[in-house]
Amino acid sequence: MGGKQIAHGRENLMDIYQIGRRTRISLKSLRKLEALNVLKLDEAEGPLSELLFHMRGNQTFSLPMLLQMIADPDLIEDISYANQTYGRRARDQIAALGDLSQGLPGKPVTAAIDGTAKGDPIAAQMIADWLRDVLPAEPVKYPWIAVRLMLPLNDFLREKAMPIVPLALMHMRKLEAFRPYWESIENKSGRKEIRYFQPKTLDL
């Protein structure tokens, strides 16, 4: 789905979906105005176009996309305007992350991502110790952890760390002491899925 933008001078570019949401003009009407050249449009693709294109072939948003929506919550409203189904998915996936002001790691933990990805058990233990303190009782998936690991980092560090987070978590799961905090189950599509949780304790 194309994501052309309208130019207000040289600044303040908005996706056509944002224009529709903010002016209450239907997308169909805006497309007609675009065809009549009433709107002066730029060919640049905005983040909304990328998100919508991604969802055409995927059920879930990627880690960079989740971080993008967290940084710019208006994108979720724009997705909903363009496609209500995608909008529901966006809201559900952001909601599944929980309260992002809680459970963020300190610098020693985020600094341990690289070492953990390389199989360093001491670094892995640092991430495991953090997770054991912050995991909820209700099972959570990879994005719950990955988003929290990325949020304290600047753009440069995120770019370096993001590709290796899955590998880091794989090595961390090898720690025997962390074994009660995760499980591998088969999801509805038949694929294996890792879930993390706070194990139940027996009341004595």
C-alpha atoms as a PDB file:
ATOM      1  CA  MET A   1       0.000   0.000   0.000  1.00  0.00           C
ATOM      2  CA  GLY A   2       1.583   3.219  -1.111  1.00  0.00           C
ATOM      3  CA  GLY A   3       2.401   5.826   1.458  1.00  0.00           C
ATOM      4  CA  LYS A   4       2.739   9.129  -0.355  1.00  0.00           C
ATOM      5  CA  GLN A   5       3.085  12.211   1.724  1.00  0.00           C
ATOM      6  CA  ILE A   6       1.774  15.744   1.457  1.00  0.00           C
ATOM      7  CA  ALA A   7       4.248  18.577   1.738  1.00  0.00           C
ATOM      8  CA  HIS A   8       3.523  21.704   3.720  1.00  0.00           C
ATOM      9  CA  GLY A   9       6.325  23.841   2.372  1.00  0.00           C
ATOM     10  CA  ARG A  10       9.588  22.034   2.959  1.00  0.00           C
ATOM     11  CA  GLU A  11       8.699  20.650   6.365  1.00  0.00           C
ATOM     12  CA  ASN A  12       6.013  18.797   8.239  1.00  0.00           C
ATOM     13  CA  LEU A  13       5.458  15.964   5.778  1.00  0.00           C
ATOM     14  CA  MET A  14       2.471  13.785   6.640  1.00  0.00           C
ATOM     15  CA  ASP A  15       1.331  10.447   5.264  1.00  0.00           C
ATOM     16  CA  ILE A  16      -1.986  10.529   3.463  1.00  0.00           C
ATOM     17  CA  TYR A  17      -3.354   8.333   6.257  1.00  0.00           C
ATOM     18  CA  GLN A  18      -2.366  10.912   8.861  1.00  0.00           C
ATOM     19  CA  ILE A  19      -4.090  13.631   6.837  1.00  0.00           C
ATOM     20  CA  GLY A  20      -7.276  11.579   6.692  1.00  0.00           C
ATOM     21  CA  ARG A  21      -7.287  10.830  10.402  1.00  0.00           C
ATOM     22  CA  ARG A  22      -6.667  14.424  11.386  1.00  0.00           C
ATOM     23  CA  THR A  23      -9.096  16.005   8.889  1.00  0.00           C
ATOM     24  CA  ARG A  24     -11.747  13.236   9.025  1.00  0.00           C
ATOM     25  CA  ILE A  25     -11.673  13.117   5.211  1.00  0.00           C
ATOM     26  CA  SER A  26     -12.035   9.560   3.900  1.00  0.00           C
ATOM     27  CA  LEU A  27      -9.067   7.861   2.302  1.00  0.00           C
ATOM     28  CA  LYS A  28     -11.126   7.354  -0.856  1.00  0.00           C
ATOM     29  CA  SER A  29     -11.770  11.101  -1.111  1.00  0.00           C
ATOM     30  CA  LEU A  30      -8.120  11.918  -0.501  1.00  0.00           C
ATOM     31  CA  ARG A  31      -7.101   9.491  -3.244  1.00  0.00           C
ATOM     32  CA  LYS A  32      -9.491  11.284  -5.620  1.00  0.00           C
ATOM     33  CA  LEU A  33      -7.929  14.625  -4.707  1.00  0.00           C
ATOM     34  CA  GLU A  34      -4.513  13.082  -5.288  1.00  0.00           C
ATOM     35  CA  ALA A  35      -5.594  11.855  -8.739  1.00  0.00           C
ATOM     36  CA  LEU A  36      -6.846  15.345  -9.599  1.00  0.00           C
ATOM     37  CA  ASN A  37      -3.501  16.809  -8.499  1.00  0.00           C
ATOM     38  CA  VAL A  38      -5.317  18.951  -5.951  1.00  0.00           C
ATOM     39  CA  LEU A  39      -2.875  17.727  -3.311  1.00  0.00           C
ATOM     40  CA  LYS A  40       0.786  18.440  -3.843  1.00  0.00           C
ATOM     41  CA  LEU A  41       2.304  15.088  -2.934  1.00  0.00           C
ATOM     42  CA  ASP A  42       5.842  13.955  -2.417  1.00  0.00           C
ATOM     43  CA  GLU A  43       7.038  10.506  -3.502  1.00  0.00           C
ATOM     44  CA  ALA A  44       8.893   9.820  -0.234  1.00  0.00           C
ATOM     45  CA  GLU A  45       7.795   6.748   1.698  1.00  0.00           C
ATOM     46  CA  GLY A  46       7.016   7.264   5.377  1.00  0.00           C
ATOM     47  CA  PRO A  47       7.199   4.784   8.270  1.00  0.00           C
ATOM     48  CA  LEU A  48       3.486   4.087   7.999  1.00  0.00           C
ATOM     49  CA  SER A  49       3.900   2.723   4.483  1.00  0.00           C
ATOM     50  CA  GLU A  50       6.595   0.337   5.681  1.00  0.00           C
ATOM     51  CA  LEU A  51       4.449  -0.889   8.571  1.00  0.00           C
ATOM     52  CA  LEU A  52       1.429  -1.496   6.349  1.00  0.00           C
ATOM     53  CA  PHE A  53       3.494  -3.263   3.699  1.00  0.00           C
ATOM     54  CA  HIS A  54       5.037  -5.520   6.353  1.00  0.00           C
ATOM     55  CA  MET A  55       1.645  -6.536   7.739  1.00  0.00           C
ATOM     56  CA  ARG A  56       0.422  -7.697   4.350  1.00  0.00           C
ATOM     57  CA  GLY A  57       2.605 -10.805   4.743  1.00  0.00           C
ATOM     58  CA  ASN A  58       3.110 -11.015   8.518  1.00  0.00           C
ATOM     59  CA  GLN A  59       0.971 -11.379  11.618  1.00  0.00           C
ATOM     60  CA  THR A  60       3.433  -9.696  13.962  1.00  0.00           C
ATOM     61  CA  PHE A  61       5.525  -6.545  13.913  1.00  0.00           C
ATOM     62  CA  SER A  62       9.298  -6.785  14.039  1.00  0.00           C
ATOM     63  CA  LEU A  63      11.336  -5.519  16.997  1.00  0.00           C
ATOM     64  CA  PRO A  64      12.414  -2.315  15.170  1.00  0.00           C
ATOM     65  CA  MET A  65       8.770  -1.637  14.275  1.00  0.00           C
ATOM     66  CA  LEU A  66       7.599  -2.096  17.857  1.00  0.00           C
ATOM     67  CA  LEU A  67      10.256   0.350  19.014  1.00  0.00           C
ATOM     68  CA  GLN A  68       9.143   2.764  16.302  1.00  0.00           C
ATOM     69  CA  MET A  69       5.520   2.630  17.478  1.00  0.00           C
ATOM     70  CA  ILE A  70       6.561   3.052  21.098  1.00  0.00           C
ATOM     71  CA  ALA A  71       8.515   6.181  20.142  1.00  0.00           C
ATOM     72  CA  ASP A  72       5.628   7.510  18.018  1.00  0.00           C
ATOM     73  CA  PRO A  73       2.247   6.263  19.364  1.00  0.00           C
ATOM     74  CA  ASP A  74       0.389   8.248  16.691  1.00  0.00           C
ATOM     75  CA  LEU A  75       1.532   5.611  14.199  1.00  0.00           C
ATOM     76  CA  ILE A  76      -0.879   3.131  15.782  1.00  0.00           C
ATOM     77  CA  GLU A  77      -3.807   5.456  15.111  1.00  0.00           C
ATOM     78  CA  ASP A  78      -2.606   5.936  11.547  1.00  0.00           C
ATOM     79  CA  ILE A  79      -2.391   2.162  11.035  1.00  0.00           C
ATOM     80  CA  SER A  80      -5.941   1.801  12.374  1.00  0.00           C
ATOM     81  CA  TYR A  81      -7.176   4.449   9.964  1.00  0.00           C
ATOM     82  CA  ALA A  82      -5.589   2.637   7.022  1.00  0.00           C
ATOM     83  CA  ASN A  83      -6.574  -0.879   8.119  1.00  0.00           C
ATOM     84  CA  GLN A  84      -8.586  -1.687  11.246  1.00  0.00           C
ATOM     85  CA  THR A  85      -7.298  -5.270  11.439  1.00  0.00           C
ATOM     86  CA  TYR A  86      -3.690  -4.125  11.392  1.00  0.00           C
ATOM     87  CA  GLY A  87      -4.548  -1.474  13.949  1.00  0.00           C
ATOM     88  CA  ARG A  88      -5.953  -4.093  16.337  1.00  0.00           C
ATOM     89  CA  ARG A  89      -2.820  -6.169  15.919  1.00  0.00           C
ATOM     90  CA  ALA A  90      -0.643  -3.151  16.645  1.00  0.00           C
ATOM     91  CA  ARG A  91      -2.566  -2.283  19.814  1.00  0.00           C
ATOM     92  CA  ASP A  92      -2.576  -5.908  20.998  1.00  0.00           C
ATOM     93  CA  GLN A  93       1.150  -6.351  20.429  1.00  0.00           C
ATOM     94  CA  ILE A  94       2.023  -3.107  22.195  1.00  0.00           C
ATOM     95  CA  ALA A  95      -0.311  -4.019  25.084  1.00  0.00           C
ATOM     96  CA  ALA A  96       1.430  -7.414  25.406  1.00  0.00           C
ATOM     97  CA  LEU A  97       4.637  -5.576  26.304  1.00  0.00           C
ATOM     98  CA  GLY A  98       3.101  -4.401  29.566  1.00  0.00           C
ATOM     99  CA  ASP A  99       4.149  -1.298  31.464  1.00  0.00           C
ATOM    100  CA  LEU A 100       7.389  -0.241  29.794  1.00  0.00           C
ATOM    101  CA  SER A 101       8.294   2.032  32.676  1.00  0.00           C
ATOM    102  CA  GLN A 102       8.795  -1.102  34.745  1.00  0.00           C
ATOM    103  CA  GLY A 103      11.500  -3.741  34.528  1.00  0.00           C
ATOM    104  CA  LEU A 104      14.022  -1.884  32.388  1.00  0.00           C
ATOM    105  CA  PRO A 105      17.595  -3.189  32.715  1.00  0.00           C
ATOM    106  CA  GLY A 106      20.569  -1.191  33.917  1.00  0.00           C
ATOM    107  CA  LYS A 107      23.737  -0.591  31.928  1.00  0.00           C
ATOM    108  CA  PRO A 108      25.553  -3.714  33.195  1.00  0.00           C
ATOM    109  CA  VAL A 109      22.729  -5.877  31.815  1.00  0.00           C
ATOM    110  CA  THR A 110      22.543  -4.231  28.387  1.00  0.00           C
ATOM    111  CA  ALA A 111      26.351  -4.315  28.228  1.00  0.00           C
ATOM    112  CA  ALA A 112      26.171  -8.092  28.744  1.00  0.00           C
ATOM    113  CA  ILE A 113      24.193  -8.704  25.534  1.00  0.00           C
ATOM    114  CA  ASP A 114      27.301  -9.022  23.356  1.00  0.00           C
ATOM    115  CA  GLY A 115      29.123 -11.382  25.727  1.00  0.00           C
ATOM    116  CA  THR A 116      26.012 -13.515  26.211  1.00  0.00           C
ATOM    117  CA  ALA A 117      25.575 -13.836  22.440  1.00  0.00           C
ATOM    118  CA  LYS A 118      29.172 -15.137  22.319  1.00  0.00           C
ATOM    119  CA  GLY A 119      28.396 -17.759  24.939  1.00  0.00           C
ATOM    120  CA  ASP A 120      29.970 -16.109  27.996  1.00  0.00           C
ATOM    121  CA  PRO A 121      28.207 -17.715  31.000  1.00  0.00           C
ATOM    122  CA  ILE A 122      29.043 -14.815  33.343  1.00  0.00           C
ATOM    123  CA  ALA A 123      27.396 -12.308  30.970  1.00  0.00           C
ATOM    124  CA  ALA A 124      24.466 -14.701  30.487  1.00  0.00           C
ATOM    125  CA  GLN A 125      24.017 -14.900  34.245  1.00  0.00           C
ATOM    126  CA  MET A 126      23.682 -11.107  34.432  1.00  0.00           C
ATOM    127  CA  ILE A 127      20.782 -11.130  31.979  1.00  0.00           C
ATOM    128  CA  ALA A 128      19.249 -14.156  33.706  1.00  0.00           C
ATOM    129  CA  ASP A 129      19.434 -12.464  37.123  1.00  0.00           C
ATOM    130  CA  TRP A 130      17.714  -9.369  35.740  1.00  0.00           C
ATOM    131  CA  LEU A 131      14.941 -11.430  34.138  1.00  0.00           C
ATOM    132  CA  ARG A 132      14.319 -13.484  37.252  1.00  0.00           C
ATOM    133  CA  ASP A 133      13.614 -10.225  39.070  1.00  0.00           C
ATOM    134  CA  VAL A 134      11.293  -8.675  36.476  1.00  0.00           C
ATOM    135  CA  LEU A 135       9.420 -11.497  34.695  1.00  0.00           C
ATOM    136  CA  PRO A 136       5.678 -11.571  35.430  1.00  0.00           C
ATOM    137  CA  ALA A 137       3.772 -14.703  36.413  1.00  0.00           C
ATOM    138  CA  GLU A 138       1.800 -14.532  33.153  1.00  0.00           C
ATOM    139  CA  PRO A 139       3.937 -15.964  30.312  1.00  0.00           C
ATOM    140  CA  VAL A 140       5.482 -13.414  27.937  1.00  0.00           C
ATOM    141  CA  LYS A 141       7.191 -13.789  24.591  1.00  0.00           C
ATOM    142  CA  TYR A 142      10.445 -12.617  23.039  1.00  0.00           C
ATOM    143  CA  PRO A 143       9.310  -9.011  22.317  1.00  0.00           C
ATOM    144  CA  TRP A 144       8.593  -8.394  26.028  1.00  0.00           C
ATOM    145  CA  ILE A 145      12.256  -9.012  26.812  1.00  0.00           C
ATOM    146  CA  ALA A 146      13.833  -7.660  23.616  1.00  0.00           C
ATOM    147  CA  VAL A 147      12.032  -4.299  23.761  1.00  0.00           C
ATOM    148  CA  ARG A 148      13.163  -3.766  27.361  1.00  0.00           C
ATOM    149  CA  LEU A 149      16.761  -4.605  26.469  1.00  0.00           C
ATOM    150  CA  MET A 150      16.683  -2.094  23.602  1.00  0.00           C
ATOM    151  CA  LEU A 151      14.853   0.841  25.203  1.00  0.00           C
ATOM    152  CA  PRO A 152      17.780   2.132  27.320  1.00  0.00           C
ATOM    153  CA  LEU A 153      20.157   2.063  24.329  1.00  0.00           C
ATOM    154  CA  ASN A 154      20.867   4.850  21.847  1.00  0.00           C
ATOM    155  CA  ASP A 155      20.347   4.276  18.119  1.00  0.00           C
ATOM    156  CA  PHE A 156      23.963   3.239  17.506  1.00  0.00           C
ATOM    157  CA  LEU A 157      23.980   0.632  20.275  1.00  0.00           C
ATOM    158  CA  ARG A 158      20.554  -0.641  19.259  1.00  0.00           C
ATOM    159  CA  GLU A 159      21.750  -1.241  15.715  1.00  0.00           C
ATOM    160  CA  LYS A 160      24.624  -3.350  17.049  1.00  0.00           C
ATOM    161  CA  ALA A 161      22.649  -5.237  19.688  1.00  0.00           C
ATOM    162  CA  MET A 162      19.318  -5.894  17.989  1.00  0.00           C
ATOM    163  CA  PRO A 163      20.480  -8.693  15.634  1.00  0.00           C
ATOM    164  CA  ILE A 164      22.175 -10.653  18.428  1.00  0.00           C
ATOM    165  CA  VAL A 165      19.450 -10.553  21.097  1.00  0.00           C
ATOM    166  CA  PRO A 166      17.893 -13.886  19.941  1.00  0.00           C
ATOM    167  CA  LEU A 167      21.306 -15.563  20.145  1.00  0.00           C
ATOM    168  CA  ALA A 168      21.965 -14.028  23.561  1.00  0.00           C
ATOM    169  CA  LEU A 169      18.661 -15.341  24.922  1.00  0.00           C
ATOM    170  CA  MET A 170      19.378 -18.786  23.466  1.00  0.00           C
ATOM    171  CA  HIS A 171      22.677 -18.974  25.366  1.00  0.00           C
ATOM    172  CA  MET A 172      21.025 -17.620  28.522  1.00  0.00           C
ATOM    173  CA  ARG A 173      18.412 -20.390  28.399  1.00  0.00           C
ATOM    174  CA  LYS A 174      21.230 -22.945  28.670  1.00  0.00           C
ATOM    175  CA  LEU A 175      21.848 -21.855  32.253  1.00  0.00           C
ATOM    176  CA  GLU A 176      20.529 -24.581  34.535  1.00  0.00           C
ATOM    177  CA  ALA A 177      19.433 -22.046  37.156  1.00  0.00           C
ATOM    178  CA  PHE A 178      17.211 -20.304  34.598  1.00  0.00           C
ATOM    179  CA  ARG A 179      15.472 -23.510  33.440  1.00  0.00           C
ATOM    180  CA  PRO A 180      12.325 -22.990  35.600  1.00  0.00           C
ATOM    181  CA  TYR A 181      11.723 -19.587  33.970  1.00  0.00           C
ATOM    182  CA  TRP A 182      10.940 -20.652  30.392  1.00  0.00           C
ATOM    183  CA  GLU A 183       9.230 -23.278  28.298  1.00  0.00           C
ATOM    184  CA  SER A 184       9.023 -24.226  24.632  1.00  0.00           C
ATOM    185  CA  ILE A 185       5.511 -24.872  23.373  1.00  0.00           C
ATOM    186  CA  GLU A 186       3.858 -25.435  20.003  1.00  0.00           C
ATOM    187  CA  ASN A 187       1.751 -22.471  18.889  1.00  0.00           C
ATOM    188  CA  LYS A 188      -1.377 -22.526  16.735  1.00  0.00           C
ATOM    189  CA  SER A 189       0.656 -22.581  13.522  1.00  0.00           C
ATOM    190  CA  GLY A 190       2.577 -25.642  14.703  1.00  0.00           C
ATOM    191  CA  ARG A 191       5.815 -23.769  15.319  1.00  0.00           C
ATOM    192  CA  LYS A 192       7.848 -23.924  18.499  1.00  0.00           C
ATOM    193  CA  GLU A 193       7.569 -20.807  20.635  1.00  0.00           C
ATOM    194  CA  ILE A 194       9.540 -19.798  23.723  1.00  0.00           C
ATOM    195  CA  ARG A 195       7.634 -18.296  26.617  1.00  0.00           C
ATOM    196  CA  TYR A 196       9.147 -16.754  29.738  1.00  0.00           C
ATOM    197  CA  PHE A 197       7.467 -16.481  33.128  1.00  0.00           C
ATOM    198  CA  GLN A 198       7.875 -16.317  36.884  1.00  0.00           C
ATOM    199  CA  PRO A 199       7.521 -19.917  38.105  1.00  0.00           C
ATOM    200  CA  LYS A 200       4.808 -20.646  40.622  1.00  0.00           C
ATOM    201  CA  THR A 201       5.889 -21.214  44.183  1.00  0.00           C
ATOM    202  CA  LEU A 202       4.135 -23.611  46.524  1.00  0.00           C
ATOM    203  CA  ASP A 203       2.603 -22.043  49.617  1.00  0.00           C
ATOM    204  CA  LEU A 204       3.677 -23.945  52.709  1.00  0.00           C
END
